[in-house]
Structure formats: structure tokens, C-alpha cells
Amino acid sequence: MASLLVDLGSKDTRVGNLVSTSDASFDADVLQSDLPVLVDFGATWCHPCRQLDPIVEELAADWAGKVRVVKLDIDQNVATTMKYGVMGVPTLLLFIGGEAKERLAGFQPKRKILEKLEPFLPTT
């Protein structure tokens, strides 16, 4: 099976339709973002991660312009994975103002993700 990671010839890599972040770019992509950022910690070998991918892509489309959604491959980015205590995948972390505000571990249906994250998101 081919990897979902595609190098676009710049630092911008994508997983499906989502931007991929890394140890090197995490600070700029996530911590310094003016928007809330949902980080999807996953791995190419993780079946529940692949099941979650379409839901995360839907959320990115639903929240376009309000929330930035990025993916992080835990195998390629061990420092960030360890820094935020990600012990299993998939894990979703919502960052606001550079701080992790909410965490969801394991596969979650869209309804559950929305229930947990919407209280932290802008209402406009």
C-alpha cells in the first residue's frame, strides 16, 4: 500500500487534503497560529487512524477559515509526540493560543469529536 504522504517539493506536505506538520514546523504551524489548531497524531500503519482520516478531513472542510487542521506522523516526529504525551494513535489535540486545551484518544465518531471540541471553538 502506498503511503498517503506526498512531498510537494517544499516544506508543505499533505496527508490526503490536510497539511502535515513536523517537529521542525510544529511551533510555526500550531503554537504560533492565530486560529485554533486541531492536530491529528497518527501513523501510516494505524488502521483506526485511516478510519478517522475522512472524519478529520470533513472537520477541516466544515471549519475552514475558523480552525486549522493538521496531521502529524508520530513515527517521523517523535520529539513532538513525546512532548505532548501521545501514547497511542489516533490522538487529536486541540491547541488554542499555543496551549493544548482538549485531547481525544482513539477512534471517535464525528459526533463525539464535535461534542468535545465545539465548546472551545469560535461561534462565528
PDB file of N, CA and C in Angstrom:
ATOM      1  N   MET A   1       0.845  -1.182   0.000  1.00  0.00           N
ATOM      2  CA  MET A   1       0.000   0.000   0.000  1.00  0.00           C
ATOM      3  C   MET A   1       0.885   1.239   0.000  1.00  0.00           C
ATOM      4  N   ALA A   2       0.608   2.176  -0.859  1.00  0.00           N
ATOM      5  CA  ALA A   2       1.387   3.409  -0.944  1.00  0.00           C
ATOM      6  C   ALA A   2       1.090   4.312   0.242  1.00  0.00           C
ATOM      7  N   SER A   3       2.082   5.051   0.652  1.00  0.00           N
ATOM      8  CA  SER A   3       1.920   5.996   1.746  1.00  0.00           C
ATOM      9  C   SER A   3       1.045   7.164   1.313  1.00  0.00           C
ATOM     10  N   LEU A   4       0.322   7.735   2.258  1.00  0.00           N
ATOM     11  CA  LEU A   4      -0.515   8.895   1.972  1.00  0.00           C
ATOM     12  C   LEU A   4       0.285  10.188   1.971  1.00  0.00           C
ATOM     13  N   LEU A   5       1.534  10.144   2.449  1.00  0.00           N
ATOM     14  CA  LEU A   5       2.352  11.343   2.488  1.00  0.00           C
ATOM     15  C   LEU A   5       2.877  11.654   1.103  1.00  0.00           C
ATOM     16  N   VAL A   6       2.719  12.889   0.674  1.00  0.00           N
ATOM     17  CA  VAL A   6       3.168  13.315  -0.641  1.00  0.00           C
ATOM     18  C   VAL A   6       4.033  14.553  -0.462  1.00  0.00           C
ATOM     19  N   ASP A   7       5.259  14.520  -0.994  1.00  0.00           N
ATOM     20  CA  ASP A   7       6.125  15.694  -0.927  1.00  0.00           C
ATOM     21  C   ASP A   7       5.789  16.601  -2.093  1.00  0.00           C
ATOM     22  N   LEU A   8       5.418  17.825  -1.799  1.00  0.00           N
ATOM     23  CA  LEU A   8       5.035  18.763  -2.838  1.00  0.00           C
ATOM     24  C   LEU A   8       6.203  19.632  -3.287  1.00  0.00           C
ATOM     25  N   GLY A   9       7.436  19.218  -2.943  1.00  0.00           N
ATOM     26  CA  GLY A   9       8.604  19.956  -3.374  1.00  0.00           C
ATOM     27  C   GLY A   9       8.931  21.145  -2.487  1.00  0.00           C
ATOM     28  N   SER A  10       8.236  21.303  -1.390  1.00  0.00           N
ATOM     29  CA  SER A  10       8.533  22.363  -0.437  1.00  0.00           C
ATOM     30  C   SER A  10       8.360  21.771   0.950  1.00  0.00           C
ATOM     31  N   LYS A  11       8.376  22.641   1.959  1.00  0.00           N
ATOM     32  CA  LYS A  11       8.152  22.122   3.310  1.00  0.00           C
ATOM     33  C   LYS A  11       6.701  21.698   3.515  1.00  0.00           C
ATOM     34  N   ASP A  12       5.828  22.086   2.599  1.00  0.00           N
ATOM     35  CA  ASP A  12       4.410  21.763   2.692  1.00  0.00           C
ATOM     36  C   ASP A  12       4.184  20.330   2.236  1.00  0.00           C
ATOM     37  N   THR A  13       3.821  19.469   3.165  1.00  0.00           N
ATOM     38  CA  THR A  13       3.454  18.109   2.802  1.00  0.00           C
ATOM     39  C   THR A  13       2.000  17.928   3.159  1.00  0.00           C
ATOM     40  N   ARG A  14       1.374  17.012   2.493  1.00  0.00           N
ATOM     41  CA  ARG A  14      -0.045  16.788   2.727  1.00  0.00           C
ATOM     42  C   ARG A  14      -0.302  15.324   3.003  1.00  0.00           C
ATOM     43  N   VAL A  15      -1.310  15.104   3.807  1.00  0.00           N
ATOM     44  CA  VAL A  15      -1.831  13.777   4.056  1.00  0.00           C
ATOM     45  C   VAL A  15      -3.277  13.862   3.627  1.00  0.00           C
ATOM     46  N   GLY A  16      -3.607  13.208   2.519  1.00  0.00           N
ATOM     47  CA  GLY A  16      -4.921  13.421   1.930  1.00  0.00           C
ATOM     48  C   GLY A  16      -5.004  14.882   1.526  1.00  0.00           C
ATOM     49  N   ASN A  17      -6.017  15.596   2.011  1.00  0.00           N
ATOM     50  CA  ASN A  17      -6.179  17.015   1.703  1.00  0.00           C
ATOM     51  C   ASN A  17      -5.678  17.923   2.826  1.00  0.00           C
ATOM     52  N   LEU A  18      -5.066  17.336   3.857  1.00  0.00           N
ATOM     53  CA  LEU A  18      -4.643  18.116   5.016  1.00  0.00           C
ATOM     54  C   LEU A  18      -3.150  18.393   4.983  1.00  0.00           C
ATOM     55  N   VAL A  19      -2.767  19.546   5.517  1.00  0.00           N
ATOM     56  CA  VAL A  19      -1.355  19.878   5.660  1.00  0.00           C
ATOM     57  C   VAL A  19      -0.775  19.013   6.769  1.00  0.00           C
ATOM     58  N   SER A  20       0.445  18.553   6.546  1.00  0.00           N
ATOM     59  CA  SER A  20       1.154  17.773   7.538  1.00  0.00           C
ATOM     60  C   SER A  20       2.168  18.663   8.235  1.00  0.00           C
ATOM     61  N   THR A  21       2.230  18.585   9.557  1.00  0.00           N
ATOM     62  CA  THR A  21       3.225  19.333  10.316  1.00  0.00           C
ATOM     63  C   THR A  21       4.312  18.374  10.778  1.00  0.00           C
ATOM     64  N   SER A  22       5.381  18.918  11.345  1.00  0.00           N
ATOM     65  CA  SER A  22       6.520  18.099  11.755  1.00  0.00           C
ATOM     66  C   SER A  22       7.145  18.690  13.013  1.00  0.00           C
ATOM     67  N   ASP A  23       8.131  17.967  13.567  1.00  0.00           N
ATOM     68  CA  ASP A  23       8.870  18.505  14.705  1.00  0.00           C
ATOM     69  C   ASP A  23       9.428  19.885  14.361  1.00  0.00           C
ATOM     70  N   ALA A  24       9.968  20.027  13.158  1.00  0.00           N
ATOM     71  CA  ALA A  24      10.628  21.270  12.747  1.00  0.00           C
ATOM     72  C   ALA A  24       9.642  22.422  12.547  1.00  0.00           C
ATOM     73  N   SER A  25       8.435  22.132  12.090  1.00  0.00           N
ATOM     74  CA  SER A  25       7.487  23.204  11.769  1.00  0.00           C
ATOM     75  C   SER A  25       6.345  23.344  12.783  1.00  0.00           C
ATOM     76  N   PHE A  26       6.312  22.498  13.803  1.00  0.00           N
ATOM     77  CA  PHE A  26       5.192  22.478  14.749  1.00  0.00           C
ATOM     78  C   PHE A  26       4.981  23.832  15.426  1.00  0.00           C
ATOM     79  N   ASP A  27       6.059  24.473  15.827  1.00  0.00           N
ATOM     80  CA  ASP A  27       5.946  25.757  16.509  1.00  0.00           C
ATOM     81  C   ASP A  27       5.233  26.780  15.623  1.00  0.00           C
ATOM     82  N   ALA A  28       5.678  26.906  14.379  1.00  0.00           N
ATOM     83  CA  ALA A  28       5.073  27.868  13.452  1.00  0.00           C
ATOM     84  C   ALA A  28       3.671  27.435  13.024  1.00  0.00           C
ATOM     85  N   ASP A  29       3.487  26.151  12.737  1.00  0.00           N
ATOM     86  CA  ASP A  29       2.206  25.653  12.228  1.00  0.00           C
ATOM     87  C   ASP A  29       1.114  25.643  13.286  1.00  0.00           C
ATOM     88  N   VAL A  30       1.486  25.361  14.525  1.00  0.00           N
ATOM     89  CA  VAL A  30       0.490  25.112  15.569  1.00  0.00           C
ATOM     90  C   VAL A  30       0.552  26.145  16.693  1.00  0.00           C
ATOM     91  N   LEU A  31       1.698  26.240  17.337  1.00  0.00           N
ATOM     92  CA  LEU A  31       1.794  27.056  18.546  1.00  0.00           C
ATOM     93  C   LEU A  31       1.669  28.551  18.273  1.00  0.00           C
ATOM     94  N   GLN A  32       2.099  29.004  17.099  1.00  0.00           N
ATOM     95  CA  GLN A  32       2.026  30.428  16.772  1.00  0.00           C
ATOM     96  C   GLN A  32       0.809  30.787  15.916  1.00  0.00           C
ATOM     97  N   SER A  33      -0.064  29.848  15.675  1.00  0.00           N
ATOM     98  CA  SER A  33      -1.229  30.094  14.831  1.00  0.00           C
ATOM     99  C   SER A  33      -2.214  31.050  15.502  1.00  0.00           C
ATOM    100  N   ASP A  34      -2.769  31.953  14.707  1.00  0.00           N
ATOM    101  CA  ASP A  34      -3.814  32.852  15.202  1.00  0.00           C
ATOM    102  C   ASP A  34      -5.144  32.119  15.357  1.00  0.00           C
ATOM    103  N   LEU A  35      -5.296  31.022  14.630  1.00  0.00           N
ATOM    104  CA  LEU A  35      -6.517  30.214  14.697  1.00  0.00           C
ATOM    105  C   LEU A  35      -6.318  29.046  15.659  1.00  0.00           C
ATOM    106  N   PRO A  36      -7.395  28.498  16.215  1.00  0.00           N
ATOM    107  CA  PRO A  36      -7.271  27.220  16.906  1.00  0.00           C
ATOM    108  C   PRO A  36      -6.747  26.185  15.914  1.00  0.00           C
ATOM    109  N   VAL A  37      -5.980  25.219  16.412  1.00  0.00           N
ATOM    110  CA  VAL A  37      -5.409  24.177  15.548  1.00  0.00           C
ATOM    111  C   VAL A  37      -5.734  22.808  16.129  1.00  0.00           C
ATOM    112  N   LEU A  38      -6.337  21.959  15.303  1.00  0.00           N
ATOM    113  CA  LEU A  38      -6.569  20.567  15.664  1.00  0.00           C
ATOM    114  C   LEU A  38      -5.447  19.755  15.045  1.00  0.00           C
ATOM    115  N   VAL A  39      -4.677  19.065  15.888  1.00  0.00           N
ATOM    116  CA  VAL A  39      -3.581  18.229  15.415  1.00  0.00           C
ATOM    117  C   VAL A  39      -4.007  16.770  15.525  1.00  0.00           C
ATOM    118  N   ASP A  40      -3.929  16.073  14.397  1.00  0.00           N
ATOM    119  CA  ASP A  40      -4.247  14.652  14.317  1.00  0.00           C
ATOM    120  C   ASP A  40      -2.931  13.887  14.360  1.00  0.00           C
ATOM    121  N   PHE A  41      -2.604  13.317  15.526  1.00  0.00           N
ATOM    122  CA  PHE A  41      -1.412  12.490  15.683  1.00  0.00           C
ATOM    123  C   PHE A  41      -1.767  11.088  15.194  1.00  0.00           C
ATOM    124  N   GLY A  42      -1.033  10.595  14.209  1.00  0.00           N
ATOM    125  CA  GLY A  42      -1.340   9.283  13.663  1.00  0.00           C
ATOM    126  C   GLY A  42      -0.116   8.618  13.064  1.00  0.00           C
ATOM    127  N   ALA A  43      -0.354   7.501  12.388  1.00  0.00           N
ATOM    128  CA  ALA A  43       0.718   6.748  11.743  1.00  0.00           C
ATOM    129  C   ALA A  43       0.145   6.035  10.526  1.00  0.00           C
ATOM    130  N   THR A  44       0.985   5.832   9.521  1.00  0.00           N
ATOM    131  CA  THR A  44       0.526   5.201   8.289  1.00  0.00           C
ATOM    132  C   THR A  44       0.092   3.753   8.511  1.00  0.00           C
ATOM    133  N   TRP A  45       0.647   3.080   9.516  1.00  0.00           N
ATOM    134  CA  TRP A  45       0.333   1.677   9.772  1.00  0.00           C
ATOM    135  C   TRP A  45      -0.912   1.492  10.648  1.00  0.00           C
ATOM    136  N   CYS A  46      -1.483   2.585  11.113  1.00  0.00           N
ATOM    137  CA  CYS A  46      -2.570   2.544  12.094  1.00  0.00           C
ATOM    138  C   CYS A  46      -3.934   2.486  11.407  1.00  0.00           C
ATOM    139  N   HIS A  47      -4.617   1.346  11.541  1.00  0.00           N
ATOM    140  CA  HIS A  47      -5.927   1.196  10.911  1.00  0.00           C
ATOM    141  C   HIS A  47      -6.969   2.176  11.474  1.00  0.00           C
ATOM    142  N   PRO A  48      -7.088   2.357  12.799  1.00  0.00           N
ATOM    143  CA  PRO A  48      -8.047   3.343  13.305  1.00  0.00           C
ATOM    144  C   PRO A  48      -7.740   4.765  12.814  1.00  0.00           C
ATOM    145  N   CYS A  49      -6.454   5.069  12.585  1.00  0.00           N
ATOM    146  CA  CYS A  49      -6.094   6.389  12.043  1.00  0.00           C
ATOM    147  C   CYS A  49      -6.676   6.553  10.645  1.00  0.00           C
ATOM    148  N   ARG A  50      -6.565   5.517   9.839  1.00  0.00           N
ATOM    149  CA  ARG A  50      -7.108   5.576   8.476  1.00  0.00           C
ATOM    150  C   ARG A  50      -8.629   5.704   8.512  1.00  0.00           C
ATOM    151  N   GLN A  51      -9.270   5.071   9.493  1.00  0.00           N
ATOM    152  CA  GLN A  51     -10.721   5.208   9.637  1.00  0.00           C
ATOM    153  C   GLN A  51     -11.104   6.632  10.033  1.00  0.00           C
ATOM    154  N   LEU A  52     -10.256   7.277  10.815  1.00  0.00           N
ATOM    155  CA  LEU A  52     -10.524   8.635  11.280  1.00  0.00           C
ATOM    156  C   LEU A  52     -10.247   9.679  10.205  1.00  0.00           C
ATOM    157  N   ASP A  53      -9.377   9.376   9.246  1.00  0.00           N
ATOM    158  CA  ASP A  53      -8.977  10.353   8.221  1.00  0.00           C
ATOM    159  C   ASP A  53     -10.153  11.060   7.539  1.00  0.00           C
ATOM    160  N   PRO A  54     -11.179  10.343   7.057  1.00  0.00           N
ATOM    161  CA  PRO A  54     -12.281  11.055   6.390  1.00  0.00           C
ATOM    162  C   PRO A  54     -13.041  11.994   7.330  1.00  0.00           C
ATOM    163  N   ILE A  55     -13.129  11.631   8.594  1.00  0.00           N
ATOM    164  CA  ILE A  55     -13.813  12.484   9.567  1.00  0.00           C
ATOM    165  C   ILE A  55     -13.003  13.754   9.791  1.00  0.00           C
ATOM    166  N   VAL A  56     -11.698  13.604   9.933  1.00  0.00           N
ATOM    167  CA  VAL A  56     -10.834  14.765  10.143  1.00  0.00           C
ATOM    168  C   VAL A  56     -10.876  15.678   8.917  1.00  0.00           C
ATOM    169  N   GLU A  57     -10.895  15.094   7.739  1.00  0.00           N
ATOM    170  CA  GLU A  57     -10.993  15.902   6.515  1.00  0.00           C
ATOM    171  C   GLU A  57     -12.333  16.645   6.452  1.00  0.00           C
ATOM    172  N   GLU A  58     -13.410  15.996   6.875  1.00  0.00           N
ATOM    173  CA  GLU A  58     -14.718  16.664   6.945  1.00  0.00           C
ATOM    174  C   GLU A  58     -14.683  17.837   7.914  1.00  0.00           C
ATOM    175  N   LEU A  59     -14.076  17.625   9.075  1.00  0.00           N
ATOM    176  CA  LEU A  59     -13.975  18.699  10.065  1.00  0.00           C
ATOM    177  C   LEU A  59     -13.182  19.869   9.497  1.00  0.00           C
ATOM    178  N   ALA A  60     -12.086  19.564   8.801  1.00  0.00           N
ATOM    179  CA  ALA A  60     -11.275  20.629   8.195  1.00  0.00           C
ATOM    180  C   ALA A  60     -12.107  21.438   7.210  1.00  0.00           C
ATOM    181  N   ALA A  61     -12.924  20.760   6.411  1.00  0.00           N
ATOM    182  CA  ALA A  61     -13.782  21.461   5.448  1.00  0.00           C
ATOM    183  C   ALA A  61     -14.862  22.265   6.178  1.00  0.00           C
ATOM    184  N   ASP A  62     -15.484  21.670   7.188  1.00  0.00           N
ATOM    185  CA  ASP A  62     -16.539  22.344   7.954  1.00  0.00           C
ATOM    186  C   ASP A  62     -16.009  23.595   8.661  1.00  0.00           C
ATOM    187  N   TRP A  63     -14.767  23.518   9.143  1.00  0.00           N
ATOM    188  CA  TRP A  63     -14.192  24.592   9.945  1.00  0.00           C
ATOM    189  C   TRP A  63     -13.263  25.500   9.144  1.00  0.00           C
ATOM    190  N   ALA A  64     -13.255  25.396   7.840  1.00  0.00           N
ATOM    191  CA  ALA A  64     -12.344  26.193   7.004  1.00  0.00           C
ATOM    192  C   ALA A  64     -12.419  27.671   7.385  1.00  0.00           C
ATOM    193  N   GLY A  65     -11.263  28.274   7.618  1.00  0.00           N
ATOM    194  CA  GLY A  65     -11.204  29.677   7.997  1.00  0.00           C
ATOM    195  C   GLY A  65     -11.399  29.941   9.474  1.00  0.00           C
ATOM    196  N   LYS A  66     -11.859  28.930  10.234  1.00  0.00           N
ATOM    197  CA  LYS A  66     -12.089  29.087  11.669  1.00  0.00           C
ATOM    198  C   LYS A  66     -11.126  28.269  12.517  1.00  0.00           C
ATOM    199  N   VAL A  67     -10.767  27.087  12.021  1.00  0.00           N
ATOM    200  CA  VAL A  67      -9.873  26.169  12.725  1.00  0.00           C
ATOM    201  C   VAL A  67      -8.920  25.582  11.696  1.00  0.00           C
ATOM    202  N   ARG A  68      -7.656  25.562  12.028  1.00  0.00           N
ATOM    203  CA  ARG A  68      -6.670  24.914  11.163  1.00  0.00           C
ATOM    204  C   ARG A  68      -6.568  23.456  11.602  1.00  0.00           C
ATOM    205  N   VAL A  69      -6.534  22.541  10.648  1.00  0.00           N
ATOM    206  CA  VAL A  69      -6.431  21.117  10.949  1.00  0.00           C
ATOM    207  C   VAL A  69      -5.167  20.588  10.278  1.00  0.00           C
ATOM    208  N   VAL A  70      -4.286  19.969  11.072  1.00  0.00           N
ATOM    209  CA  VAL A  70      -3.036  19.424  10.549  1.00  0.00           C
ATOM    210  C   VAL A  70      -2.834  18.005  11.051  1.00  0.00           C
ATOM    211  N   LYS A  71      -2.007  17.256  10.324  1.00  0.00           N
ATOM    212  CA  LYS A  71      -1.674  15.889  10.720  1.00  0.00           C
ATOM    213  C   LYS A  71      -0.214  15.821  11.105  1.00  0.00           C
ATOM    214  N   LEU A  72       0.099  14.941  12.043  1.00  0.00           N
ATOM    215  CA  LEU A  72       1.474  14.711  12.457  1.00  0.00           C
ATOM    216  C   LEU A  72       1.716  13.214  12.517  1.00  0.00           C
ATOM    217  N   ASP A  73       2.705  12.742  11.764  1.00  0.00           N
ATOM    218  CA  ASP A  73       3.080  11.326  11.760  1.00  0.00           C
ATOM    219  C   ASP A  73       3.976  11.075  12.969  1.00  0.00           C
ATOM    220  N   ILE A  74       3.519  10.245  13.896  1.00  0.00           N
ATOM    221  CA  ILE A  74       4.261  10.024  15.142  1.00  0.00           C
ATOM    222  C   ILE A  74       5.603   9.335  14.917  1.00  0.00           C
ATOM    223  N   ASP A  75       5.702   8.509  13.900  1.00  0.00           N
ATOM    224  CA  ASP A  75       6.952   7.798  13.640  1.00  0.00           C
ATOM    225  C   ASP A  75       8.024   8.732  13.098  1.00  0.00           C
ATOM    226  N   GLN A  76       7.619   9.751  12.373  1.00  0.00           N
ATOM    227  CA  GLN A  76       8.554  10.711  11.782  1.00  0.00           C
ATOM    228  C   GLN A  76       8.843  11.888  12.710  1.00  0.00           C
ATOM    229  N   ASN A  77       8.043  12.047  13.764  1.00  0.00           N
ATOM    230  CA  ASN A  77       8.112  13.234  14.621  1.00  0.00           C
ATOM    231  C   ASN A  77       8.014  12.858  16.094  1.00  0.00           C
ATOM    232  N   VAL A  78       9.006  12.125  16.547  1.00  0.00           N
ATOM    233  CA  VAL A  78       8.998  11.557  17.890  1.00  0.00           C
ATOM    234  C   VAL A  78       9.073  12.637  18.976  1.00  0.00           C
ATOM    235  N   ALA A  79       9.839  13.697  18.733  1.00  0.00           N
ATOM    236  CA  ALA A  79      10.008  14.729  19.768  1.00  0.00           C
ATOM    237  C   ALA A  79       8.669  15.381  20.135  1.00  0.00           C
ATOM    238  N   THR A  80       7.896  15.774  19.127  1.00  0.00           N
ATOM    239  CA  THR A  80       6.601  16.413  19.399  1.00  0.00           C
ATOM    240  C   THR A  80       5.637  15.416  20.016  1.00  0.00           C
ATOM    241  N   THR A  81       5.660  14.197  19.515  1.00  0.00           N
ATOM    242  CA  THR A  81       4.798  13.144  20.055  1.00  0.00           C
ATOM    243  C   THR A  81       5.063  12.952  21.544  1.00  0.00           C
ATOM    244  N   MET A  82       6.333  12.878  21.924  1.00  0.00           N
ATOM    245  CA  MET A  82       6.693  12.686  23.331  1.00  0.00           C
ATOM    246  C   MET A  82       6.392  13.933  24.160  1.00  0.00           C
ATOM    247  N   LYS A  83       6.666  15.099  23.606  1.00  0.00           N
ATOM    248  CA  LYS A  83       6.434  16.351  24.341  1.00  0.00           C
ATOM    249  C   LYS A  83       4.988  16.473  24.798  1.00  0.00           C
ATOM    250  N   TYR A  84       4.053  16.018  23.962  1.00  0.00           N
ATOM    251  CA  TYR A  84       2.632  16.142  24.303  1.00  0.00           C
ATOM    252  C   TYR A  84       2.038  14.853  24.867  1.00  0.00           C
ATOM    253  N   GLY A  85       2.898  13.898  25.208  1.00  0.00           N
ATOM    254  CA  GLY A  85       2.451  12.694  25.905  1.00  0.00           C
ATOM    255  C   GLY A  85       1.500  11.827  25.107  1.00  0.00           C
ATOM    256  N   VAL A  86       1.671  11.804  23.807  1.00  0.00           N
ATOM    257  CA  VAL A  86       0.815  10.964  22.966  1.00  0.00           C
ATOM    258  C   VAL A  86       1.311   9.526  23.090  1.00  0.00           C
ATOM    259  N   MET A  87       0.492   8.689  23.698  1.00  0.00           N
ATOM    260  CA  MET A  87       0.869   7.305  23.979  1.00  0.00           C
ATOM    261  C   MET A  87       0.222   6.308  23.025  1.00  0.00           C
ATOM    262  N   GLY A  88      -0.784   6.741  22.294  1.00  0.00           N
ATOM    263  CA  GLY A  88      -1.467   5.868  21.350  1.00  0.00           C
ATOM    264  C   GLY A  88      -2.051   6.692  20.226  1.00  0.00           C
ATOM    265  N   VAL A  89      -2.331   6.027  19.130  1.00  0.00           N
ATOM    266  CA  VAL A  89      -2.908   6.720  17.975  1.00  0.00           C
ATOM    267  C   VAL A  89      -4.174   6.006  17.524  1.00  0.00           C
ATOM    268  N   PRO A  90      -5.096   6.763  16.968  1.00  0.00           N
ATOM    269  CA  PRO A  90      -5.034   8.204  16.753  1.00  0.00           C
ATOM    270  C   PRO A  90      -5.285   8.984  18.044  1.00  0.00           C
ATOM    271  N   THR A  91      -4.675  10.168  18.098  1.00  0.00           N
ATOM    272  CA  THR A  91      -4.944  11.130  19.165  1.00  0.00           C
ATOM    273  C   THR A  91      -5.158  12.485  18.517  1.00  0.00           C
ATOM    274  N   LEU A  92      -6.208  13.165  18.924  1.00  0.00           N
ATOM    275  CA  LEU A  92      -6.480  14.522  18.461  1.00  0.00           C
ATOM    276  C   LEU A  92      -6.213  15.477  19.616  1.00  0.00           C
ATOM    277  N   LEU A  93      -5.430  16.522  19.343  1.00  0.00           N
ATOM    278  CA  LEU A  93      -5.185  17.563  20.335  1.00  0.00           C
ATOM    279  C   LEU A  93      -5.614  18.899  19.749  1.00  0.00           C
ATOM    280  N   LEU A  94      -6.404  19.648  20.496  1.00  0.00           N
ATOM    281  CA  LEU A  94      -6.835  20.974  20.079  1.00  0.00           C
ATOM    282  C   LEU A  94      -5.975  22.009  20.795  1.00  0.00           C
ATOM    283  N   PHE A  95      -5.294  22.837  20.010  1.00  0.00           N
ATOM    284  CA  PHE A  95      -4.455  23.912  20.537  1.00  0.00           C
ATOM    285  C   PHE A  95      -5.133  25.252  20.297  1.00  0.00           C
ATOM    286  N   ILE A  96      -5.152  26.075  21.338  1.00  0.00           N
ATOM    287  CA  ILE A  96      -5.663  27.439  21.228  1.00  0.00           C
ATOM    288  C   ILE A  96      -4.646  28.339  21.908  1.00  0.00           C
ATOM    289  N   GLY A  97      -4.186  29.350  21.171  1.00  0.00           N
ATOM    290  CA  GLY A  97      -3.198  30.265  21.732  1.00  0.00           C
ATOM    291  C   GLY A  97      -1.920  29.572  22.146  1.00  0.00           C
ATOM    292  N   GLY A  98      -1.554  28.509  21.435  1.00  0.00           N
ATOM    293  CA  GLY A  98      -0.314  27.802  21.724  1.00  0.00           C
ATOM    294  C   GLY A  98      -0.398  26.786  22.845  1.00  0.00           C
ATOM    295  N   GLU A  99      -1.580  26.591  23.416  1.00  0.00           N
ATOM    296  CA  GLU A  99      -1.750  25.641  24.512  1.00  0.00           C
ATOM    297  C   GLU A  99      -2.715  24.535  24.129  1.00  0.00           C
ATOM    298  N   ALA A 100      -2.389  23.310  24.539  1.00  0.00           N
ATOM    299  CA  ALA A 100      -3.286  22.176  24.319  1.00  0.00           C
ATOM    300  C   ALA A 100      -4.469  22.327  25.270  1.00  0.00           C
ATOM    301  N   LYS A 101      -5.674  22.396  24.697  1.00  0.00           N
ATOM    302  CA  LYS A 101      -6.883  22.616  25.504  1.00  0.00           C
ATOM    303  C   LYS A 101      -7.736  21.361  25.654  1.00  0.00           C
ATOM    304  N   GLU A 102      -7.683  20.468  24.668  1.00  0.00           N
ATOM    305  CA  GLU A 102      -8.521  19.260  24.725  1.00  0.00           C
ATOM    306  C   GLU A 102      -7.819  18.132  23.989  1.00  0.00           C
ATOM    307  N   ARG A 103      -8.058  16.906  24.457  1.00  0.00           N
ATOM    308  CA  ARG A 103      -7.439  15.707  23.897  1.00  0.00           C
ATOM    309  C   ARG A 103      -8.503  14.628  23.731  1.00  0.00           C
ATOM    310  N   LEU A 104      -8.456  13.962  22.582  1.00  0.00           N
ATOM    311  CA  LEU A 104      -9.301  12.795  22.344  1.00  0.00           C
ATOM    312  C   LEU A 104      -8.395  11.672  21.869  1.00  0.00           C
ATOM    313  N   ALA A 105      -8.445  10.544  22.546  1.00  0.00           N
ATOM    314  CA  ALA A 105      -7.593   9.411  22.193  1.00  0.00           C
ATOM    315  C   ALA A 105      -8.440   8.297  21.592  1.00  0.00           C
ATOM    316  N   GLY A 106      -7.898   7.652  20.571  1.00  0.00           N
ATOM    317  CA  GLY A 106      -8.592   6.554  19.913  1.00  0.00           C
ATOM    318  C   GLY A 106      -9.582   7.051  18.883  1.00  0.00           C
ATOM    319  N   PHE A 107     -10.094   6.116  18.104  1.00  0.00           N
ATOM    320  CA  PHE A 107     -11.081   6.474  17.087  1.00  0.00           C
ATOM    321  C   PHE A 107     -12.329   7.015  17.773  1.00  0.00           C
ATOM    322  N   GLN A 108     -12.841   8.118  17.254  1.00  0.00           N
ATOM    323  CA  GLN A 108     -14.065   8.716  17.777  1.00  0.00           C
ATOM    324  C   GLN A 108     -14.974   9.043  16.598  1.00  0.00           C
ATOM    325  N   PRO A 109     -16.278   8.825  16.721  1.00  0.00           N
ATOM    326  CA  PRO A 109     -17.186   9.279  15.666  1.00  0.00           C
ATOM    327  C   PRO A 109     -17.230  10.805  15.651  1.00  0.00           C
ATOM    328  N   LYS A 110     -17.619  11.358  14.525  1.00  0.00           N
ATOM    329  CA  LYS A 110     -17.653  12.811  14.356  1.00  0.00           C
ATOM    330  C   LYS A 110     -18.484  13.483  15.449  1.00  0.00           C
ATOM    331  N   ARG A 111     -19.604  12.916  15.774  1.00  0.00           N
ATOM    332  CA  ARG A 111     -20.490  13.479  16.800  1.00  0.00           C
ATOM    333  C   ARG A 111     -19.749  13.654  18.133  1.00  0.00           C
ATOM    334  N   LYS A 112     -18.966  12.659  18.538  1.00  0.00           N
ATOM    335  CA  LYS A 112     -18.221  12.721  19.804  1.00  0.00           C
ATOM    336  C   LYS A 112     -17.128  13.780  19.740  1.00  0.00           C
ATOM    337  N   ILE A 113     -16.450  13.868  18.594  1.00  0.00           N
ATOM    338  CA  ILE A 113     -15.402  14.873  18.422  1.00  0.00           C
ATOM    339  C   ILE A 113     -16.004  16.266  18.548  1.00  0.00           C
ATOM    340  N   LEU A 114     -17.126  16.487  17.880  1.00  0.00           N
ATOM    341  CA  LEU A 114     -17.788  17.791  17.946  1.00  0.00           C
ATOM    342  C   LEU A 114     -18.217  18.127  19.373  1.00  0.00           C
ATOM    343  N   GLU A 115     -18.773  17.155  20.092  1.00  0.00           N
ATOM    344  CA  GLU A 115     -19.207  17.380  21.476  1.00  0.00           C
ATOM    345  C   GLU A 115     -18.058  17.859  22.348  1.00  0.00           C
ATOM    346  N   LYS A 116     -16.874  17.274  22.148  1.00  0.00           N
ATOM    347  CA  LYS A 116     -15.710  17.604  22.974  1.00  0.00           C
ATOM    348  C   LYS A 116     -15.047  18.922  22.565  1.00  0.00           C
ATOM    349  N   LEU A 117     -15.027  19.217  21.261  1.00  0.00           N
ATOM    350  CA  LEU A 117     -14.241  20.353  20.782  1.00  0.00           C
ATOM    351  C   LEU A 117     -15.029  21.639  20.598  1.00  0.00           C
ATOM    352  N   GLU A 118     -16.306  21.549  20.230  1.00  0.00           N
ATOM    353  CA  GLU A 118     -17.066  22.764  19.932  1.00  0.00           C
ATOM    354  C   GLU A 118     -17.104  23.780  21.077  1.00  0.00           C
ATOM    355  N   PRO A 119     -17.145  23.364  22.353  1.00  0.00           N
ATOM    356  CA  PRO A 119     -17.143  24.381  23.411  1.00  0.00           C
ATOM    357  C   PRO A 119     -15.909  25.285  23.396  1.00  0.00           C
ATOM    358  N   PHE A 120     -14.817  24.841  22.782  1.00  0.00           N
ATOM    359  CA  PHE A 120     -13.581  25.618  22.747  1.00  0.00           C
ATOM    360  C   PHE A 120     -13.455  26.490  21.486  1.00  0.00           C
ATOM    361  N   LEU A 121     -14.355  26.300  20.524  1.00  0.00           N
ATOM    362  CA  LEU A 121     -14.191  26.934  19.219  1.00  0.00           C
ATOM    363  C   LEU A 121     -14.976  28.237  19.110  1.00  0.00           C
ATOM    364  N   PRO A 122     -14.503  29.123  18.215  1.00  0.00           N
ATOM    365  CA  PRO A 122     -15.248  30.373  17.992  1.00  0.00           C
ATOM    366  C   PRO A 122     -16.640  30.070  17.458  1.00  0.00           C
ATOM    367  N   THR A 123     -17.612  30.861  17.855  1.00  0.00           N
ATOM    368  CA  THR A 123     -19.008  30.602  17.452  1.00  0.00           C
ATOM    369  C   THR A 123     -19.379  31.275  16.152  1.00  0.00           C
ATOM    370  N   THR A 124     -18.587  32.177  15.649  1.00  0.00           N
ATOM    371  CA  THR A 124     -18.925  32.869  14.385  1.00  0.00           C
ATOM    372  C   THR A 124     -18.495  32.098  13.183  1.00  0.00           C
TER     373      THR A 124
END
